[in-house]
C-alpha atoms as a PDB file:
ATOM      1  CA  LEU A   1      -5.663 -11.023  10.686  1.00  0.00           C
ATOM      2  CA  ASP A   2      -8.121  -8.312   9.622  1.00  0.00           C
ATOM      3  CA  HIS A   3     -10.331  -5.701  11.217  1.00  0.00           C
ATOM      4  CA  SER A   4     -13.038  -6.168   8.571  1.00  0.00           C
ATOM      5  CA  GLU A   5     -15.423  -8.935   9.657  1.00  0.00           C
ATOM      6  CA  SER A   6     -16.873  -9.494   6.173  1.00  0.00           C
ATOM      7  CA  ALA A   7     -13.464  -9.510   4.452  1.00  0.00           C
ATOM      8  CA  LEU A   8     -12.037 -11.911   7.022  1.00  0.00           C
ATOM      9  CA  PHE A   9     -14.978 -14.296   6.555  1.00  0.00           C
ATOM     10  CA  VAL A  10     -14.538 -14.325   2.761  1.00  0.00           C
ATOM     11  CA  ILE A  11     -10.777 -14.912   3.057  1.00  0.00           C
ATOM     12  CA  GLU A  12     -11.296 -17.735   5.556  1.00  0.00           C
ATOM     13  CA  GLN A  13     -13.768 -19.526   3.267  1.00  0.00           C
ATOM     14  CA  LYS A  14     -11.476 -19.200   0.238  1.00  0.00           C
ATOM     15  CA  LEU A  15      -8.434 -20.518   2.095  1.00  0.00           C
ATOM     16  CA  LYS A  16     -10.333 -23.512   3.486  1.00  0.00           C
ATOM     17  CA  LYS A  17     -11.442 -24.494  -0.021  1.00  0.00           C
ATOM     18  CA  MET A  18      -7.914 -24.173  -1.399  1.00  0.00           C
ATOM     19  CA  ASN A  19      -6.202 -26.624   0.956  1.00  0.00           C
ATOM     20  CA  THR A  20      -7.987 -28.554   3.683  1.00  0.00           C
ATOM     21  CA  LYS A  21      -4.688 -29.915   5.083  1.00  0.00           C
ATOM     22  CA  VAL A  22      -3.578 -26.475   6.275  1.00  0.00           C
ATOM     23  CA  ASN A  23      -4.800 -25.290   9.652  1.00  0.00           C
ATOM     24  CA  ILE A  24      -6.161 -21.787   9.051  1.00  0.00           C
ATOM     25  CA  LYS A  25      -6.552 -19.433  12.005  1.00  0.00           C
ATOM     26  CA  THR A  26      -8.298 -16.095  11.489  1.00  0.00           C
ATOM     27  CA  LYS A  27      -8.220 -13.233  13.969  1.00  0.00           C
ATOM     28  CA  LEU A  28     -10.573 -10.241  13.983  1.00  0.00           C
ATOM     29  CA  ILE A  29      -8.210  -7.567  15.321  1.00  0.00           C
ATOM     30  CA  ASP A  30      -7.687  -3.852  14.792  1.00  0.00           C
ATOM     31  CA  LEU A  31      -3.950  -3.063  14.881  1.00  0.00           C
ATOM     32  CA  SER A  32      -4.624  -0.102  17.162  1.00  0.00           C
ATOM     33  CA  ASP A  33      -5.789  -2.554  19.867  1.00  0.00           C
ATOM     34  CA  LYS A  34      -2.550  -3.261  21.706  1.00  0.00           C
ATOM     35  CA  ASP A  35      -4.075  -5.824  24.079  1.00  0.00           C
ATOM     36  CA  LEU A  36      -5.479  -8.033  21.316  1.00  0.00           C
ATOM     37  CA  LEU A  37      -2.176  -7.821  19.427  1.00  0.00           C
ATOM     38  CA  LYS A  38      -0.234  -8.805  22.525  1.00  0.00           C
ATOM     39  CA  ASP A  39      -2.561 -11.764  23.086  1.00  0.00           C
ATOM     40  CA  LEU A  40      -2.088 -12.865  19.459  1.00  0.00           C
ATOM     41  CA  PHE A  41       1.705 -13.042  19.775  1.00  0.00           C
ATOM     42  CA  LEU A  42       1.576 -14.491  23.271  1.00  0.00           C
ATOM     43  CA  HIS A  43      -0.540 -17.510  22.334  1.00  0.00           C
ATOM     44  CA  ASN A  44       0.677 -18.277  18.812  1.00  0.00           C
ATOM     45  CA  LYS A  45       4.073 -19.319  17.520  1.00  0.00           C
ATOM     46  CA  ILE A  46       4.666 -16.791  14.742  1.00  0.00           C
ATOM     47  CA  ASP A  47       7.688 -16.946  12.436  1.00  0.00           C
ATOM     48  CA  MET A  48       6.912 -14.342   9.794  1.00  0.00           C
ATOM     49  CA  VAL A  49       4.624 -11.321   9.448  1.00  0.00           C
ATOM     50  CA  TYR A  50       3.422  -9.833   6.149  1.00  0.00           C
ATOM     51  CA  HIS A  51       1.941  -6.394   6.737  1.00  0.00           C
ATOM     52  CA  ALA A  52      -0.516  -5.108   4.114  1.00  0.00           C
ATOM     53  CA  ALA A  53      -2.997  -3.514   6.524  1.00  0.00           C
ATOM     54  CA  ALA A  54      -3.152  -0.002   5.113  1.00  0.00           C
ATOM     55  CA  TYR A  55      -6.002   2.220   4.088  1.00  0.00           C
ATOM     56  CA  LYS A  56      -5.241   2.956   0.441  1.00  0.00           C
ATOM     57  CA  HIS A  57      -8.056   4.942  -1.222  1.00  0.00           C
ATOM     58  CA  VAL A  58      -6.325   8.237  -2.017  1.00  0.00           C
ATOM     59  CA  ASP A  59      -9.357  10.545  -2.044  1.00  0.00           C
ATOM     60  CA  MET A  60     -10.907   8.906   1.017  1.00  0.00           C
ATOM     61  CA  LEU A  61      -7.771   9.424   3.096  1.00  0.00           C
ATOM     62  CA  GLU A  62      -7.545  13.098   2.115  1.00  0.00           C
ATOM     63  CA  ARG A  63     -10.912  13.477   3.868  1.00  0.00           C
ATOM     64  CA  ASN A  64     -10.123  11.161   6.807  1.00  0.00           C
ATOM     65  CA  MET A  65      -6.582  11.990   7.877  1.00  0.00           C
ATOM     66  CA  ILE A  66      -6.920  10.995  11.532  1.00  0.00           C
ATOM     67  CA  SER A  67      -8.181   7.512  10.640  1.00  0.00           C
ATOM     68  CA  ALA A  68      -5.380   7.194   8.074  1.00  0.00           C
ATOM     69  CA  VAL A  69      -2.690   7.981  10.653  1.00  0.00           C
ATOM     70  CA  LYS A  70      -4.227   5.692  13.286  1.00  0.00           C
ATOM     71  CA  ASN A  71      -4.453   2.718  10.944  1.00  0.00           C
ATOM     72  CA  ASN A  72      -1.449   3.113   8.663  1.00  0.00           C
ATOM     73  CA  ILE A  73       1.142   4.574  11.056  1.00  0.00           C
ATOM     74  CA  ILE A  74       0.101   3.883  14.660  1.00  0.00           C
ATOM     75  CA  GLY A  75      -1.151   0.402  13.748  1.00  0.00           C
ATOM     76  CA  LEU A  76       2.188  -0.487  12.159  1.00  0.00           C
ATOM     77  CA  TYR A  77       4.063   0.906  15.164  1.00  0.00           C
ATOM     78  CA  HIS A  78       2.106  -1.325  17.584  1.00  0.00           C
ATOM     79  CA  LEU A  79       2.699  -4.332  15.337  1.00  0.00           C
ATOM     80  CA  LEU A  80       6.443  -3.688  15.060  1.00  0.00           C
ATOM     81  CA  PHE A  81       6.634  -3.282  18.840  1.00  0.00           C
ATOM     82  CA  GLN A  82       5.078  -6.714  19.412  1.00  0.00           C
ATOM     83  CA  CYS A  83       7.237  -8.287  16.703  1.00  0.00           C
ATOM     84  CA  ARG A  84      10.393  -7.105  18.413  1.00  0.00           C
ATOM     85  CA  LYS A  85       9.101  -7.982  21.882  1.00  0.00           C
ATOM     86  CA  TYR A  86       8.387 -11.564  20.802  1.00  0.00           C
ATOM     87  CA  ASN A  87      11.508 -11.857  18.614  1.00  0.00           C
ATOM     88  CA  ILE A  88       9.751 -12.268  15.276  1.00  0.00           C
ATOM     89  CA  GLU A  89      12.695 -12.643  12.905  1.00  0.00           C
ATOM     90  CA  HIS A  90      10.954 -12.046   9.544  1.00  0.00           C
ATOM     91  CA  PHE A  91       8.790  -9.039   8.694  1.00  0.00           C
ATOM     92  CA  VAL A  92       7.656  -7.711   5.311  1.00  0.00           C
ATOM     93  CA  LEU A  93       6.026  -4.311   4.864  1.00  0.00           C
ATOM     94  CA  VAL A  94       3.940  -4.060   1.700  1.00  0.00           C
ATOM     95  CA  SER A  95       4.345  -0.488   0.437  1.00  0.00           C
ATOM     96  CA  THR A  96       3.296   1.524  -2.612  1.00  0.00           C
ATOM     97  CA  ASP A  97       4.686   3.675  -5.408  1.00  0.00           C
ATOM     98  CA  LYS A  98       2.724   6.563  -3.866  1.00  0.00           C
ATOM     99  CA  ALA A  99       5.330   6.639  -1.072  1.00  0.00           C
ATOM    100  CA  VAL A 100       7.906   7.916  -3.594  1.00  0.00           C
ATOM    101  CA  LYS A 101       8.129  11.723  -3.263  1.00  0.00           C
ATOM    102  CA  PRO A 102       4.637  11.616  -1.756  1.00  0.00           C
ATOM    103  CA  THR A 103       2.101  14.278  -2.684  1.00  0.00           C
ATOM    104  CA  THR A 104      -1.058  12.642  -1.301  1.00  0.00           C
ATOM    105  CA  PHE A 105      -1.857  11.993   2.356  1.00  0.00           C
ATOM    106  CA  MET A 106      -1.986   8.255   1.675  1.00  0.00           C
ATOM    107  CA  GLY A 107       1.507   8.451   0.187  1.00  0.00           C
ATOM    108  CA  LEU A 108       2.768  10.433   3.180  1.00  0.00           C
ATOM    109  CA  THR A 109       1.531   7.808   5.654  1.00  0.00           C
ATOM    110  CA  LYS A 110       3.138   4.995   3.664  1.00  0.00           C
ATOM    111  CA  LYS A 111       6.450   6.856   3.338  1.00  0.00           C
ATOM    112  CA  PHE A 112       6.402   7.428   7.102  1.00  0.00           C
ATOM    113  CA  CYS A 113       5.796   3.675   7.534  1.00  0.00           C
ATOM    114  CA  GLU A 114       8.833   2.861   5.397  1.00  0.00           C
ATOM    115  CA  LEU A 115      10.972   5.203   7.477  1.00  0.00           C
ATOM    116  CA  MET A 116       9.653   3.592  10.667  1.00  0.00           C
ATOM    117  CA  LEU A 117      10.670   0.142   9.468  1.00  0.00           C
ATOM    118  CA  PHE A 118      14.188   1.271   8.568  1.00  0.00           C
ATOM    119  CA  SER A 119      14.552   3.070  11.909  1.00  0.00           C
ATOM    120  CA  LEU A 120      14.830  -0.215  13.793  1.00  0.00           C
ATOM    121  CA  GLU A 121      18.291  -1.124  15.014  1.00  0.00           C
ATOM    122  CA  GLU A 122      20.137  -3.397  12.632  1.00  0.00           C
ATOM    123  CA  SER A 123      20.707  -6.960  13.654  1.00  0.00           C
ATOM    124  CA  LYS A 124      21.555 -10.075  11.671  1.00  0.00           C
ATOM    125  CA  LYS A 125      18.905 -11.838  13.726  1.00  0.00           C
ATOM    126  CA  TYR A 126      16.095  -9.788  12.188  1.00  0.00           C
ATOM    127  CA  GLN A 127      15.220  -9.833   8.502  1.00  0.00           C
ATOM    128  CA  TYR A 128      12.833  -6.897   8.107  1.00  0.00           C
ATOM    129  CA  SER A 129      12.230  -5.502   4.628  1.00  0.00           C
ATOM    130  CA  ALA A 130       9.736  -3.547   2.531  1.00  0.00           C
ATOM    131  CA  VAL A 131       8.346  -4.352  -0.921  1.00  0.00           C
ATOM    132  CA  ARG A 132       7.156  -1.431  -3.015  1.00  0.00           C
ATOM    133  CA  PHE A 133       5.005  -1.703  -6.132  1.00  0.00           C
ATOM    134  CA  GLY A 134       2.190   0.040  -7.998  1.00  0.00           C
ATOM    135  CA  ASN A 135      -1.446  -0.789  -8.686  1.00  0.00           C
ATOM    136  CA  VAL A 136      -2.750  -4.333  -8.639  1.00  0.00           C
ATOM    137  CA  PHE A 137      -5.549  -5.267 -11.044  1.00  0.00           C
ATOM    138  CA  ASN A 138      -8.895  -5.766  -9.281  1.00  0.00           C
ATOM    139  CA  SER A 139      -7.460  -4.968  -5.841  1.00  0.00           C
ATOM    140  CA  SER A 140      -9.051  -2.599  -3.339  1.00  0.00           C
ATOM    141  CA  GLY A 141      -8.503   0.937  -4.592  1.00  0.00           C
ATOM    142  CA  SER A 142      -7.770  -0.102  -8.188  1.00  0.00           C
ATOM    143  CA  VAL A 143      -9.516   1.613 -11.099  1.00  0.00           C
ATOM    144  CA  ILE A 144     -10.654  -1.749 -12.509  1.00  0.00           C
ATOM    145  CA  PRO A 145     -13.525  -2.414 -10.041  1.00  0.00           C
ATOM    146  CA  ILE A 146     -14.468   1.278 -10.276  1.00  0.00           C
ATOM    147  CA  PHE A 147     -14.728   1.044 -14.062  1.00  0.00           C
ATOM    148  CA  LYS A 148     -16.730  -2.193 -13.777  1.00  0.00           C
ATOM    149  CA  LYS A 149     -19.271  -0.499 -11.503  1.00  0.00           C
ATOM    150  CA  GLN A 150     -19.485   2.522 -13.777  1.00  0.00           C
ATOM    151  CA  ILE A 151     -20.121   0.292 -16.806  1.00  0.00           C
ATOM    152  CA  GLU A 152     -22.895  -1.509 -14.900  1.00  0.00           C
ATOM    153  CA  ASN A 153     -24.579   1.540 -13.394  1.00  0.00           C
ATOM    154  CA  GLN A 154     -24.146   4.492 -15.759  1.00  0.00           C
ATOM    155  CA  ASN A 155     -23.424   5.527 -19.311  1.00  0.00           C
ATOM    156  CA  TYR A 156     -19.960   6.971 -18.766  1.00  0.00           C
ATOM    157  CA  LEU A 157     -16.521   6.234 -17.253  1.00  0.00           C
ATOM    158  CA  THR A 158     -14.460   8.860 -15.418  1.00  0.00           C
ATOM    159  CA  VAL A 159     -10.739   9.332 -16.147  1.00  0.00           C
ATOM    160  CA  THR A 160      -8.741  12.071 -14.441  1.00  0.00           C
ATOM    161  CA  ASP A 161      -6.558  13.000 -17.421  1.00  0.00           C
ATOM    162  CA  LYS A 162      -6.092  11.600 -20.921  1.00  0.00           C
ATOM    163  CA  ASN A 163      -2.329  11.247 -20.333  1.00  0.00           C
ATOM    164  CA  VAL A 164      -2.308   9.928 -16.746  1.00  0.00           C
ATOM    165  CA  THR A 165      -0.412   6.634 -16.346  1.00  0.00           C
ATOM    166  CA  ARG A 166      -0.063   4.022 -13.627  1.00  0.00           C
ATOM    167  CA  TYR A 167       1.896   0.807 -13.078  1.00  0.00           C
ATOM    168  CA  PHE A 168      -0.190  -2.382 -13.011  1.00  0.00           C
ATOM    169  CA  MET A 169       0.360  -6.000 -12.052  1.00  0.00           C
ATOM    170  CA  SER A 170      -1.937  -8.965 -11.394  1.00  0.00           C
ATOM    171  CA  ILE A 171      -2.836  -9.929  -7.827  1.00  0.00           C
ATOM    172  CA  GLU A 172      -1.282 -13.377  -8.330  1.00  0.00           C
ATOM    173  CA  GLU A 173       2.036 -12.045  -9.645  1.00  0.00           C
ATOM    174  CA  ALA A 174       2.304  -9.349  -6.957  1.00  0.00           C
ATOM    175  CA  ALA A 175       1.635 -11.843  -4.157  1.00  0.00           C
ATOM    176  CA  HIS A 176       4.109 -14.337  -5.664  1.00  0.00           C
ATOM    177  CA  LEU A 177       6.870 -11.711  -5.905  1.00  0.00           C
ATOM    178  CA  VAL A 178       6.249 -10.405  -2.374  1.00  0.00           C
ATOM    179  CA  LEU A 179       6.747 -13.951  -1.078  1.00  0.00           C
ATOM    180  CA  LYS A 180       9.891 -14.376  -3.152  1.00  0.00           C
ATOM    181  CA  ALA A 181      11.296 -11.059  -1.925  1.00  0.00           C
ATOM    182  CA  SER A 182      10.785 -12.126   1.676  1.00  0.00           C
ATOM    183  CA  LEU A 183      12.754 -15.315   1.062  1.00  0.00           C
ATOM    184  CA  ILE A 184      15.828 -13.535  -0.333  1.00  0.00           C
ATOM    185  CA  SER A 185      15.799 -10.787   2.313  1.00  0.00           C
ATOM    186  CA  GLN A 186      18.872 -10.363   4.477  1.00  0.00           C
ATOM    187  CA  GLY A 187      17.264  -7.488   6.386  1.00  0.00           C
ATOM    188  CA  GLY A 188      16.937  -3.757   5.762  1.00  0.00           C
ATOM    189  CA  GLU A 189      16.100  -3.896   2.045  1.00  0.00           C
ATOM    190  CA  MET A 190      13.669  -1.840   0.016  1.00  0.00           C
ATOM    191  CA  PHE A 191      12.583  -4.228  -2.722  1.00  0.00           C
ATOM    192  CA  ILE A 192      11.019  -2.826  -5.899  1.00  0.00           C
ATOM    193  CA  LEU A 193       8.893  -5.024  -8.130  1.00  0.00           C
ATOM    194  CA  ASP A 194       9.606  -4.668 -11.840  1.00  0.00           C
ATOM    195  CA  MET A 195       6.150  -3.798 -13.178  1.00  0.00           C
ATOM    196  CA  GLY A 196       7.153  -3.116 -16.753  1.00  0.00           C
ATOM    197  CA  LYS A 197       6.021   0.044 -18.485  1.00  0.00           C
ATOM    198  CA  PRO A 198       3.272   2.205 -16.964  1.00  0.00           C
ATOM    199  CA  ARG A 199      -0.077   2.060 -18.751  1.00  0.00           C
ATOM    200  CA  LYS A 200      -2.441   4.852 -19.721  1.00  0.00           C
ATOM    201  CA  ILE A 201      -5.632   4.794 -17.656  1.00  0.00           C
ATOM    202  CA  LEU A 202      -7.502   6.060 -20.726  1.00  0.00           C
ATOM    203  CA  ASP A 203      -6.401   2.989 -22.712  1.00  0.00           C
ATOM    204  CA  ILE A 204      -7.599   0.693 -19.905  1.00  0.00           C
ATOM    205  CA  ALA A 205     -10.977   2.469 -19.857  1.00  0.00           C
ATOM    206  CA  LYS A 206     -11.363   2.033 -23.632  1.00  0.00           C
ATOM    207  CA  LYS A 207     -10.424  -1.646 -23.453  1.00  0.00           C
ATOM    208  CA  MET A 208     -12.893  -2.338 -20.634  1.00  0.00           C
ATOM    209  CA  ILE A 209     -15.717  -0.718 -22.591  1.00  0.00           C
ATOM    210  CA  HIS A 210     -14.952  -2.934 -25.588  1.00  0.00           C
ATOM    211  CA  LEU A 211     -14.594  -6.070 -23.429  1.00  0.00           C
ATOM    212  CA  SER A 212     -18.024  -5.382 -21.906  1.00  0.00           C
ATOM    213  CA  GLY A 213     -19.543  -5.555 -25.368  1.00  0.00           C
ATOM    214  CA  ASN A 214     -20.206  -1.831 -25.574  1.00  0.00           C
ATOM    215  CA  THR A 215     -18.973   0.925 -27.870  1.00  0.00           C
ATOM    216  CA  ILE A 216     -17.376   4.257 -26.944  1.00  0.00           C
ATOM    217  CA  LYS A 217     -19.607   7.296 -27.237  1.00  0.00           C
ATOM    218  CA  SER A 218     -17.704  10.311 -28.628  1.00  0.00           C
ATOM    219  CA  ASP A 219     -17.976  13.205 -31.051  1.00  0.00           C
ATOM    220  CA  GLU A 220     -16.968  10.829 -33.826  1.00  0.00           C
ATOM    221  CA  ASN A 221     -19.425   8.177 -32.611  1.00  0.00           C
ATOM    222  CA  PRO A 222     -22.414   9.981 -30.996  1.00  0.00           C
ATOM    223  CA  ASP A 223     -24.510   6.789 -31.013  1.00  0.00           C
ATOM    224  CA  GLY A 224     -22.003   4.877 -28.874  1.00  0.00           C
ATOM    225  CA  ASP A 225     -22.976   3.245 -25.573  1.00  0.00           C
ATOM    226  CA  ILE A 226     -20.536   4.602 -22.979  1.00  0.00           C
ATOM    227  CA  GLU A 227     -18.804   7.978 -22.844  1.00  0.00           C
ATOM    228  CA  ILE A 228     -15.396   8.618 -21.249  1.00  0.00           C
ATOM    229  CA  LYS A 229     -15.373  11.836 -19.212  1.00  0.00           C
ATOM    230  CA  ILE A 230     -12.096  13.588 -18.353  1.00  0.00           C
ATOM    231  CA  ILE A 231     -12.649  15.014 -14.845  1.00  0.00           C
ATOM    232  CA  GLY A 232      -9.186  16.393 -13.978  1.00  0.00           C
ATOM    233  CA  LEU A 233      -6.532  15.189 -11.545  1.00  0.00           C
ATOM    234  CA  GLY A 234      -7.459  15.162  -7.889  1.00  0.00           C
ATOM    235  CA  LYS A 235      -5.754  17.430  -5.391  1.00  0.00           C
ATOM    236  CA  SER A 236      -2.071  16.437  -5.048  1.00  0.00           C
ATOM    237  CA  GLU A 237      -2.531  13.531  -7.472  1.00  0.00           C
ATOM    238  CA  LYS A 238       0.416  12.829  -9.791  1.00  0.00           C
ATOM    239  CA  MET A 239       0.243  12.467 -13.558  1.00  0.00           C
ATOM    240  CA  HIS A 240       2.851   9.671 -13.423  1.00  0.00           C
ATOM    241  CA  GLU A 241       4.054   7.545 -10.495  1.00  0.00           C
ATOM    242  CA  GLU A 242       7.613   6.406  -9.747  1.00  0.00           C
ATOM    243  CA  LEU A 243       8.798   3.268  -7.987  1.00  0.00           C
ATOM    244  CA  SER A 244      12.083   4.520  -6.505  1.00  0.00           C
ATOM    245  CA  GLU A 245      13.774   7.784  -5.534  1.00  0.00           C
ATOM    246  CA  SER A 246      17.238   6.232  -5.749  1.00  0.00           C
ATOM    247  CA  LYS A 247      19.143   3.924  -8.062  1.00  0.00           C
ATOM    248  CA  VAL A 248      17.976   0.326  -8.207  1.00  0.00           C
ATOM    249  CA  GLU A 249      20.032  -2.825  -8.636  1.00  0.00           C
ATOM    250  CA  ASN A 250      19.237  -6.392  -9.595  1.00  0.00           C
ATOM    251  CA  THR A 251      18.742  -9.207  -7.108  1.00  0.00           C
ATOM    252  CA  SER A 252      18.966 -12.976  -7.521  1.00  0.00           C
ATOM    253  CA  GLU A 253      15.297 -13.036  -8.531  1.00  0.00           C
ATOM    254  CA  ASP A 254      13.855 -11.840 -11.836  1.00  0.00           C
ATOM    255  CA  LYS A 255      11.431  -8.892 -11.542  1.00  0.00           C
ATOM    256  CA  ILE A 256      12.653  -8.074  -8.003  1.00  0.00           C
ATOM    257  CA  LEU A 257      14.966  -5.072  -7.720  1.00  0.00           C
ATOM    258  CA  LYS A 258      16.580  -3.416  -4.714  1.00  0.00           C
ATOM    259  CA  SER A 259      16.601   0.336  -4.029  1.00  0.00           C
ATOM    260  CA  LYS A 260      18.859   2.453  -1.856  1.00  0.00           C
ATOM    261  CA  ASP A 261      15.765   4.213  -0.496  1.00  0.00           C
ATOM    262  CA  SER A 262      16.099   2.037   2.596  1.00  0.00           C
ATOM    263  CA  GLN A 263      19.304   3.725   3.734  1.00  0.00           C
ATOM    264  CA  SER A 264      17.506   6.375   5.802  1.00  0.00           C
ATOM    265  CA  GLY A 265      15.192   6.209   8.808  1.00  0.00           C
ATOM    266  CA  PHE A 266      14.252   8.060  11.984  1.00  0.00           C
ATOM    267  CA  ASP A 267      16.717   8.602  14.817  1.00  0.00           C
ATOM    268  CA  ASN A 268      14.067   8.991  17.538  1.00  0.00           C
ATOM    269  CA  LEU A 269      11.040   6.999  16.440  1.00  0.00           C
ATOM    270  CA  GLU A 270       9.335   6.774  19.845  1.00  0.00           C
ATOM    271  CA  GLU A 271       9.325  10.563  20.219  1.00  0.00           C
ATOM    272  CA  LYS A 272       7.812  11.012  16.765  1.00  0.00           C
ATOM    273  CA  ILE A 273       5.041   8.493  17.453  1.00  0.00           C
ATOM    274  CA  GLN A 274       4.206  10.168  20.763  1.00  0.00           C
ATOM    275  CA  PHE A 275       4.083  13.538  19.023  1.00  0.00           C
ATOM    276  CA  LEU A 276       1.681  12.100  16.430  1.00  0.00           C
ATOM    277  CA  LEU A 277      -0.511  10.634  19.188  1.00  0.00           C
ATOM    278  CA  ASP A 278      -0.677  14.078  20.815  1.00  0.00           C
ATOM    279  CA  LEU A 279      -1.697  15.638  17.501  1.00  0.00           C
ATOM    280  CA  ILE A 280      -4.394  12.976  17.061  1.00  0.00           C
ATOM    281  CA  GLU A 281      -5.781  13.902  20.482  1.00  0.00           C
ATOM    282  CA  LYS A 282      -5.953  17.541  19.389  1.00  0.00           C
ATOM    283  CA  ASN A 283      -7.598  16.496  16.090  1.00  0.00           C
ATOM    284  CA  ASP A 284      -5.500  19.012  14.167  1.00  0.00           C
ATOM    285  CA  LYS A 285      -5.380  17.648  10.627  1.00  0.00           C
ATOM    286  CA  ASP A 286      -3.411  20.540   9.108  1.00  0.00           C
ATOM    287  CA  ILE A 287      -0.588  20.236  11.644  1.00  0.00           C
ATOM    288  CA  ILE A 288      -0.502  16.447  11.183  1.00  0.00           C
ATOM    289  CA  LYS A 289      -0.188  16.811   7.409  1.00  0.00           C
ATOM    290  CA  ASN A 290       2.513  19.479   7.722  1.00  0.00           C
ATOM    291  CA  TYR A 291       4.382  17.311  10.218  1.00  0.00           C
ATOM    292  CA  LEU A 292       4.353  14.262   7.937  1.00  0.00           C
ATOM    293  CA  GLU A 293       5.410  16.365   4.940  1.00  0.00           C
ATOM    294  CA  ASN A 294       8.311  17.816   6.924  1.00  0.00           C
ATOM    295  CA  GLU A 295       9.498  14.469   8.299  1.00  0.00           C
ATOM    296  CA  CYS A 296       9.329  12.726   4.928  1.00  0.00           C
ATOM    297  CA  SER A 297      11.108  15.552   3.081  1.00  0.00           C
ATOM    298  CA  GLN A 298      13.838  15.851   5.732  1.00  0.00           C
ATOM    299  CA  ASN A 299      14.657  12.152   5.476  1.00  0.00           C
ATOM    300  CA  ARG A 300      14.717  12.369   1.680  1.00  0.00           C
ATOM    301  CA  LYS A 301      17.347  15.110   1.922  1.00  0.00           C
ATOM    302  CA  LYS A 302      19.280  13.061   4.495  1.00  0.00           C
ATOM    303  CA  ALA A 303      19.301  10.043   2.181  1.00  0.00           C
END
């Protein structure tokens, strides 16, 4: 399921080439469309839902807060509603390290999504969990495709700060571990993927320049091909990301940890969603941001 026609087409073609014995069904649906979602669950036997449908470009969401809330928060709410209505027993929310003590609007929406998931009444029948991890190489929003474009189109790369670090993992490993986490879930867990040590973005930029067959232009090497420009951290952007606010413990699977961050949620989720919908109608971005900041910080204190 995707609301991007071009992305859905590409995914469909790739999956068909991978295994012709599997019946692939693709649905062009926006999660904010309740009628199409209802029809999807009504006419298909669904056992498990993996939810990764979030806008994730940090700077873009700072400038488009209403769209961010509609897609990331309201879309998830509609999906969870249908999952419970049609007794979907397995649900996995793909989250992000930016939801830990969030400072960006993207992080705030994802933290709110985590709290929504853990607000649902507990039942042994339902195995709903979240998996939180950092950046994925070559994924949407990653610095890798940005650096590739910059190498192709201009004579410099942009790095926010020489000391800024981020966690990284391959697409294949992240997808594999998300699937594994869903299989060991008993319900109500916040899984954390062990991503190793964070890496300096500056080091990645240097390596990509060398791998492209170019040299770094600097004061020491003025005849180099590509310069690295330090442009400063964006508004609310962190120097270093974290993967958990609470202690983590091992699970039965290597590289999959479990955090106590899942022990808090909302007491009156429906009221909070209705309040957000009212704020969306008023198009008041400042109040929406303040509201999300307040709700996320209150639940952190409660936890």
